[in-house]
Amino acid sequence: MATGELKDMLGRVSLTPVEEAQAILLDALRSFVRKTEKYTLPEALDRIISSDILSPEDLPNHPRSTMDGFAVRAADTFGASGTMPCYLEIDGDVAMGEMPRESVRQGKCFRIATGGLLPHGSDAVMMFEHTIPVDEKMIEVVKSVGVGINFIDKGEDIAKDSPALSSGHLLRPQDLGLLAGLGISEVEVYAKAKVGILSTGDEIVHWSESPPPGKIRDINSITLSGLCRRMGATVTDYGIVKDSEESFFATLERASKENDVVLFSGGSSVGMRDLGERVIEKLGSPGILVHGVALKPGKPIIIGLSNGTAIFGLPGHPVSAMVCFELFVDPALRLIAGTSHPENSIRPTVDAILDRNLNSAAGRLDLVRVQIQKQKNNLPLAVPVLGKSGSISTLSRAHGYFFINEASQGLNKDTQVKVHLLS
């Protein structure tokens, strides 16, 4: 930590704005060396590709009909209408899955189904609805069709050697379908981020135990583990560490060597028994990046970096820990996993109307949990879920959250807010 800075009464330097803290963190992680792995398409779902994928062929590789109808020469239908139809002779049928052997000649057409390959000589598909059968060999065309209508041309979807997917793209089911259509059976993706999680405090017992008086169950480890796994990371639980600098350092040192990211909770606030800052500094360069952000809840977070491993000291209160995960750990994991722009939130949002006045302290970012209630003929209501940072039920009851920015001292009832939806 830099020297000569003004400190508050608890010994901390002034709080870092949230956006500045995020930028400091992500800039420090930009040089992270990501490992890659190769997987078959079914195994690659929800993984992030490590390099641009170019199309090895045209898709489609031959013009295909997008309608049931007749493959025609568009010029042969020019001027056709219900009062002045034109007539075309049916010269054959396009068999599905087969290349047409004959060409469409002037005044002729071929029956074709959706997905059928266009015969040479044709440049449009006339829909069945715009024809009237005269007999088995002739149709009456009651509407003209233009060149290029009702078919997809060779390479129109993706041309050979053009980008199909870019590096940093998260592979969704539809992306796997695209790659399958291009004949790509294997892709190179970034390796999953490895996350180590530990809880600190003499008062903590495992969540499966019945705590004696003075003890509490460990909520954060299972909550944080679930959040990490949802992001595709592999998680190692290092258990509960007592308030001893020796044991805390030994566990954190091991975890930092074995993982890309380490999360510990309960040792980030300033106090006699909170060892997080000292232990991170002992681990190695560059040490502490941020300690304390202008955020409610979540102010006492520690963000550090040791020998390429990101280390987060999260508040012990469950809601504060989850808020800090959302704002700092989430983008860090996405960057490490290979996401191109981890600073851009991908969480869906909805506009809503605040249902009450809310006060806020200027100079800090406030995150407000809300429930969404539908209204007739209006935007939904955002109803704050009030409670202290130790109340995990506030997040379970919340549908999402919105921010009150640092420049504001609160929001009035009926203000429109952008709610980030929780999954």
Foldseek 3Di string as FASTA:
>chain_A
DDPPADADPLGHHDFAALVVLQVLQVVVQLPFDFDKDKDFLVVQAQFFFAFWDFQQAWVVQAKFFQAFAKFAALVLAPPAAQVRWGKAWAPEEQDPPDADPDAADRRYIYGYHGGGGHHPPGFEGDHPVQWDDPDPTMIIGHHGDDGNYRIQGTNNVHHGGHTPDGGQDGHHPVSSVVCVSSVHGMGMGTDAFEEEEEEEEPQEDDQVDDHDPSHDYQPQVVVVCVVSVVSVHHYDYPYYYYLDLVRVLVSVLVRQVVGQEYEYEAQQDRDDSRCVQVSQVVQAPPGWSGAAHQEPPQGGKTWTAHPNHIYIYTYRQRQNRVVCCVSHVQLSSSVNSGHPCSNDDPFDKFKAFEAAKDFAAAQGKYKFFFAWADDPPDGTYTYTQDDHSNDPVSVVRGQFIFIDDRHDGIDGGRDITITGGDD
